[in-house]
Amino acid sequence: MHSVELLSSCAEGVLHLPAGNLTLPILKTMFPDGIEYGTALMVEFQPDSLWYEASLTIAAQALRAGAKTAYHTFLRPPDEIGQFLTSLGLNPRELESKGIFEIWDSYTPQTGLGSTQGSLKVSDWSIADAKLLKGQIRDEDKRLLHIDDNTGVLLQYNQEKAIIDYQRTRKGTTRITEWVDLNSFLKGVASDAFYNQMELLFDGVVDFKKEEKGPEIEQYLRLRILRGKRIDSRWHRLQLTGNGEVTTAD
């Protein structure tokens, strides 16, 4: 889920993405042929899962592959995102200057600090989407990986119905822009009806959870459903490396 007010103002001459699907090592088991551009995935995660680290791992792996990426932060200052990616061996400033990477900041407007302005009302985002659909989408704004660290923050600023209606009406935007959207929601903070209706609107659902196995905690993810596709829906164990990157352990 995104506001097109945040659409890239990428530098001129940015390289276009190669043809084909988006292939990422951490998701290879679940998406052996990669993720088709124009796909919107709903991520549901437990608070003590590895979703945050995995979201940045996904961004880092996409950037290493040359895929244009936008990381939309609702939970943490943008500087923290840049520092994490730096610890994974990337140079966020250089990637930003090349138009390959952007951090979209919906954290600072919540704090009242700094000069960043931005609406967290999906009604404003709907207006921006409508303007986009009436206009001409630039090639450099297409075929983007867009990751929200916690789209569910919008529940603090919008009614559940408003978010559901926004997602229902903006599916066409994802198709036209040919984005891969990863929109994440913390489990247990909204009604069951909200999760059920949102799951119906997305192309697929990915789950992140933790389990206590004796004295240890183990971390897992799975692809629960992908519309129109046969999938591997088994749970896959995750592990955290020394620099904070997440890998599959099976």
Protein backbone atom coordinates (compact mmCIF):
# COMPACT_ATOMS: atom_id res chain seq x y z
CA MET A 1 0.00 0.00 0.00
CA HIS A 2 1.43 3.33 -0.94
CA SER A 3 0.73 6.96 -1.62
CA VAL A 4 1.60 7.93 -5.15
CA GLU A 5 2.52 11.33 -3.72
CA LEU A 6 5.66 9.40 -2.78
CA LEU A 7 6.34 8.18 -6.30
CA SER A 8 9.95 8.29 -7.34
CA SER A 9 11.60 11.40 -8.65
CA CYS A 10 14.41 9.20 -9.91
CA ALA A 11 17.45 10.66 -11.55
CA GLU A 12 17.43 10.91 -15.30
CA GLY A 13 19.09 8.06 -17.10
CA VAL A 14 18.35 5.41 -14.45
CA LEU A 15 18.80 1.89 -15.78
CA HIS A 16 15.59 0.04 -16.53
CA LEU A 17 14.98 -3.28 -14.87
CA PRO A 18 15.72 -6.39 -16.90
CA ALA A 19 12.74 -8.28 -18.23
CA GLY A 20 11.35 -11.10 -16.13
CA ASN A 21 10.19 -11.68 -12.57
CA LEU A 22 11.76 -10.46 -9.34
CA THR A 23 13.85 -13.28 -7.88
CA LEU A 24 15.12 -13.05 -4.29
CA PRO A 25 17.18 -15.70 -2.43
CA ILE A 26 15.18 -15.45 0.81
CA LEU A 27 11.90 -16.10 -1.07
CA LYS A 28 13.28 -18.56 -3.65
CA THR A 29 11.73 -21.62 -1.99
CA MET A 30 8.27 -20.10 -2.08
CA PHE A 31 8.64 -18.30 -5.42
CA PRO A 32 10.96 -20.55 -7.48
CA ASP A 33 10.14 -18.62 -10.66
CA GLY A 34 10.30 -15.24 -8.95
CA ILE A 35 7.50 -12.78 -8.21
CA GLU A 36 5.65 -11.33 -11.19
CA TYR A 37 5.69 -7.53 -11.37
CA GLY A 38 2.19 -6.22 -10.74
CA THR A 39 1.73 -8.53 -7.73
CA ALA A 40 0.47 -7.30 -4.35
CA LEU A 41 1.29 -9.49 -1.34
CA MET A 42 -0.08 -9.14 2.17
CA VAL A 43 2.39 -9.98 4.94
CA GLU A 44 0.96 -10.92 8.34
CA PHE A 45 3.53 -11.03 11.12
CA GLN A 46 3.84 -11.61 14.85
CA PRO A 47 5.57 -8.84 16.82
CA ASP A 48 8.43 -11.15 17.84
CA SER A 49 8.94 -12.61 14.38
CA LEU A 50 11.82 -11.73 12.05
CA TRP A 51 9.68 -9.68 9.65
CA TYR A 52 11.53 -6.39 10.24
CA GLU A 53 14.95 -7.94 9.59
CA ALA A 54 13.51 -9.96 6.70
CA SER A 55 11.97 -6.86 5.11
CA LEU A 56 15.37 -5.18 5.01
CA THR A 57 16.99 -8.39 3.80
CA ILE A 58 14.50 -8.48 0.93
CA ALA A 59 15.33 -4.86 0.08
CA ALA A 60 19.07 -5.56 0.22
CA GLN A 61 18.82 -8.64 -1.99
CA ALA A 62 16.72 -6.77 -4.54
CA LEU A 63 19.22 -3.91 -4.64
CA ARG A 64 22.12 -6.31 -5.09
CA ALA A 65 20.25 -7.73 -8.09
CA GLY A 66 19.82 -4.22 -9.54
CA ALA A 67 16.09 -4.05 -8.84
CA LYS A 68 14.65 -0.61 -8.19
CA THR A 69 13.43 -0.59 -4.57
CA ALA A 70 11.46 1.69 -2.25
CA TYR A 71 11.40 1.01 1.49
CA HIS A 72 8.44 2.68 3.19
CA THR A 73 9.10 3.17 6.91
CA PHE A 74 6.26 3.69 9.36
CA LEU A 75 8.06 2.44 12.48
CA ARG A 76 11.63 3.73 12.45
CA PRO A 77 13.62 6.83 11.46
CA PRO A 78 14.98 6.75 7.90
CA ASP A 79 18.57 6.96 9.21
CA GLU A 80 18.08 3.64 10.97
CA ILE A 81 17.02 2.02 7.69
CA GLY A 82 20.13 3.35 5.98
CA GLN A 83 22.37 2.13 8.79
CA PHE A 84 20.92 -1.37 8.62
CA LEU A 85 21.43 -1.58 4.87
CA THR A 86 24.98 -0.31 5.32
CA SER A 87 25.61 -3.17 7.77
CA LEU A 88 24.52 -5.52 4.98
CA GLY A 89 27.29 -4.16 2.75
CA LEU A 90 25.29 -1.64 0.71
CA ASN A 91 25.80 2.07 0.13
CA PRO A 92 22.29 3.57 0.44
CA ARG A 93 23.36 7.13 -0.46
CA GLU A 94 25.04 6.00 -3.65
CA LEU A 95 22.03 3.88 -4.60
CA GLU A 96 19.72 6.83 -3.94
CA SER A 97 21.85 9.09 -6.13
CA LYS A 98 21.55 6.57 -8.95
CA GLY A 99 17.76 6.45 -8.62
CA ILE A 100 17.78 2.77 -7.67
CA PHE A 101 16.72 3.15 -4.02
CA GLU A 102 14.40 5.36 -2.01
CA ILE A 103 13.32 5.53 1.61
CA TRP A 104 9.74 6.77 1.96
CA ASP A 105 9.28 8.40 5.34
CA SER A 106 5.91 8.02 7.04
CA TYR A 107 7.61 7.84 10.44
CA THR A 108 8.71 11.47 10.87
CA PRO A 109 5.22 12.95 10.24
CA GLN A 110 3.94 10.89 13.19
CA THR A 111 6.52 12.37 15.56
CA GLY A 112 5.96 16.04 14.77
CA LEU A 113 9.71 16.45 14.46
CA GLY A 114 11.66 17.59 11.44
CA SER A 115 10.33 19.11 8.24
CA THR A 116 8.96 16.01 6.52
CA GLN A 117 5.34 16.42 5.54
CA GLY A 118 3.03 13.62 4.52
CA SER A 119 -0.51 12.42 5.01
CA LEU A 120 -1.41 9.14 6.71
CA LYS A 121 -5.02 9.40 5.58
CA VAL A 122 -5.87 6.94 2.84
CA SER A 123 -8.50 9.33 1.52
CA ASP A 124 -5.63 11.62 0.49
CA TRP A 125 -3.82 8.66 -1.07
CA SER A 126 -6.94 7.81 -3.10
CA ILE A 127 -6.97 11.30 -4.57
CA ALA A 128 -3.31 10.96 -5.54
CA ASP A 129 -3.98 7.55 -7.10
CA ALA A 130 -6.82 8.97 -9.18
CA LYS A 131 -4.55 11.71 -10.50
CA LEU A 132 -1.94 9.11 -11.38
CA LEU A 133 -4.39 6.95 -13.30
CA LYS A 134 -5.54 9.97 -15.30
CA GLY A 135 -2.00 10.95 -16.18
CA GLN A 136 0.90 9.26 -17.91
CA ILE A 137 3.11 7.03 -15.80
CA ARG A 138 6.79 7.49 -16.50
CA ASP A 139 8.82 4.42 -17.37
CA GLU A 140 11.21 5.19 -14.51
CA ASP A 141 8.31 4.88 -12.04
CA LYS A 142 7.43 1.36 -13.20
CA ARG A 143 8.67 -2.08 -12.11
CA LEU A 144 9.48 -1.19 -8.54
CA LEU A 145 9.74 -3.33 -5.40
CA HIS A 146 7.81 -1.50 -2.68
CA ILE A 147 8.05 -2.69 0.95
CA ASP A 148 6.09 -1.36 3.94
CA ASP A 149 7.64 -2.16 7.32
CA ASN A 150 4.18 -2.01 8.93
CA THR A 151 1.24 -0.87 6.84
CA GLY A 152 -0.92 -1.58 9.89
CA VAL A 153 0.15 1.76 11.39
CA LEU A 154 -2.53 3.22 9.12
CA LEU A 155 -5.12 1.68 11.46
CA GLN A 156 -4.22 4.39 13.99
CA TYR A 157 -5.22 7.13 11.52
CA ASN A 158 -8.02 5.48 9.50
CA GLN A 159 -11.07 3.33 10.06
CA GLU A 160 -10.74 -0.32 9.02
CA LYS A 161 -13.37 0.17 6.30
CA ALA A 162 -11.45 3.07 4.78
CA ILE A 163 -8.30 0.96 4.45
CA ILE A 164 -10.25 -1.94 2.96
CA ASP A 165 -11.95 0.35 0.45
CA TYR A 166 -8.61 1.92 -0.48
CA GLN A 167 -7.00 -1.45 -1.12
CA ARG A 168 -10.00 -2.57 -3.17
CA THR A 169 -9.87 0.45 -5.45
CA ARG A 170 -6.10 0.68 -5.89
CA LYS A 171 -5.43 -2.81 -7.25
CA GLY A 172 -5.46 -1.32 -10.72
CA THR A 173 -2.66 1.05 -9.74
CA THR A 174 -0.37 -1.85 -8.82
CA ARG A 175 -1.07 -3.50 -12.16
CA ILE A 176 -0.48 -0.35 -14.20
CA THR A 177 2.72 0.61 -12.37
CA GLU A 178 3.89 -3.03 -12.50
CA TRP A 179 5.05 -2.89 -8.91
CA VAL A 180 5.68 -5.73 -6.49
CA ASP A 181 3.96 -4.56 -3.31
CA LEU A 182 4.71 -6.07 0.11
CA ASN A 183 2.19 -4.61 2.56
CA SER A 184 2.60 -5.82 6.13
CA PHE A 185 0.16 -6.02 9.03
CA LEU A 186 0.86 -6.91 12.65
CA LYS A 187 -1.42 -9.77 13.68
CA GLY A 188 -4.04 -9.29 16.38
CA VAL A 189 -4.46 -5.51 16.28
CA ALA A 190 -7.51 -5.35 13.99
CA SER A 191 -10.77 -7.26 13.74
CA ASP A 192 -10.97 -10.71 12.17
CA ALA A 193 -13.24 -9.18 9.53
CA PHE A 194 -10.50 -6.73 8.57
CA TYR A 195 -7.88 -9.43 8.04
CA ASN A 196 -10.34 -11.64 6.14
CA GLN A 197 -11.37 -8.89 3.75
CA MET A 198 -7.82 -7.68 3.19
CA GLU A 199 -6.59 -11.21 2.47
CA LEU A 200 -9.26 -11.50 -0.21
CA LEU A 201 -8.02 -8.33 -1.94
CA PHE A 202 -4.35 -9.30 -2.22
CA ASP A 203 -2.79 -11.64 -4.76
CA GLY A 204 -1.15 -13.66 -2.00
CA VAL A 205 -0.55 -13.89 1.73
CA VAL A 206 2.80 -14.44 3.47
CA ASP A 207 3.07 -15.29 7.19
CA PHE A 208 5.94 -14.68 9.64
CA LYS A 209 5.84 -16.29 13.08
CA LYS A 210 7.97 -17.57 15.96
CA GLU A 211 7.63 -20.82 17.89
CA GLU A 212 9.14 -21.82 21.20
CA LYS A 213 10.89 -25.18 20.91
CA GLY A 214 12.02 -26.11 24.39
CA PRO A 215 14.56 -23.53 25.57
CA GLU A 216 14.89 -22.00 22.08
CA ILE A 217 12.79 -19.80 19.85
CA GLU A 218 12.59 -20.69 16.16
CA GLN A 219 11.49 -18.32 13.40
CA TYR A 220 9.44 -19.26 10.34
CA LEU A 221 7.78 -17.92 7.21
CA ARG A 222 5.44 -19.41 4.65
CA LEU A 223 3.47 -18.49 1.56
CA ARG A 224 -0.11 -19.27 2.57
CA ILE A 225 -1.79 -18.58 -0.75
CA LEU A 226 -1.03 -17.18 -4.21
CA ARG A 227 -4.08 -16.65 -6.38
CA GLY A 228 -4.25 -19.00 -9.34
CA LYS A 229 -0.94 -20.73 -8.55
CA ARG A 230 0.11 -24.03 -7.07
CA ILE A 231 2.49 -23.25 -4.23
CA ASP A 232 4.69 -24.71 -1.53
CA SER A 233 2.73 -23.65 1.56
CA ARG A 234 5.00 -25.36 4.11
CA TRP A 235 6.62 -23.38 6.91
CA HIS A 236 10.30 -22.58 6.28
CA ARG A 237 12.67 -21.96 9.17
CA LEU A 238 14.63 -18.73 9.26
CA GLN A 239 17.91 -17.82 10.86
CA LEU A 240 19.63 -14.53 11.58
CA THR A 241 23.24 -14.04 10.50
CA GLY A 242 25.83 -12.03 12.36
CA ASN A 243 25.19 -8.84 10.37
CA GLY A 244 21.42 -9.04 10.77
CA GLU A 245 20.57 -10.57 7.40
CA VAL A 246 17.89 -13.28 7.36
CA THR A 247 18.37 -16.58 5.52
CA THR A 248 16.31 -19.74 5.20
CA ALA A 249 17.63 -22.65 7.24
CA ASP A 250 16.14 -25.46 5.15
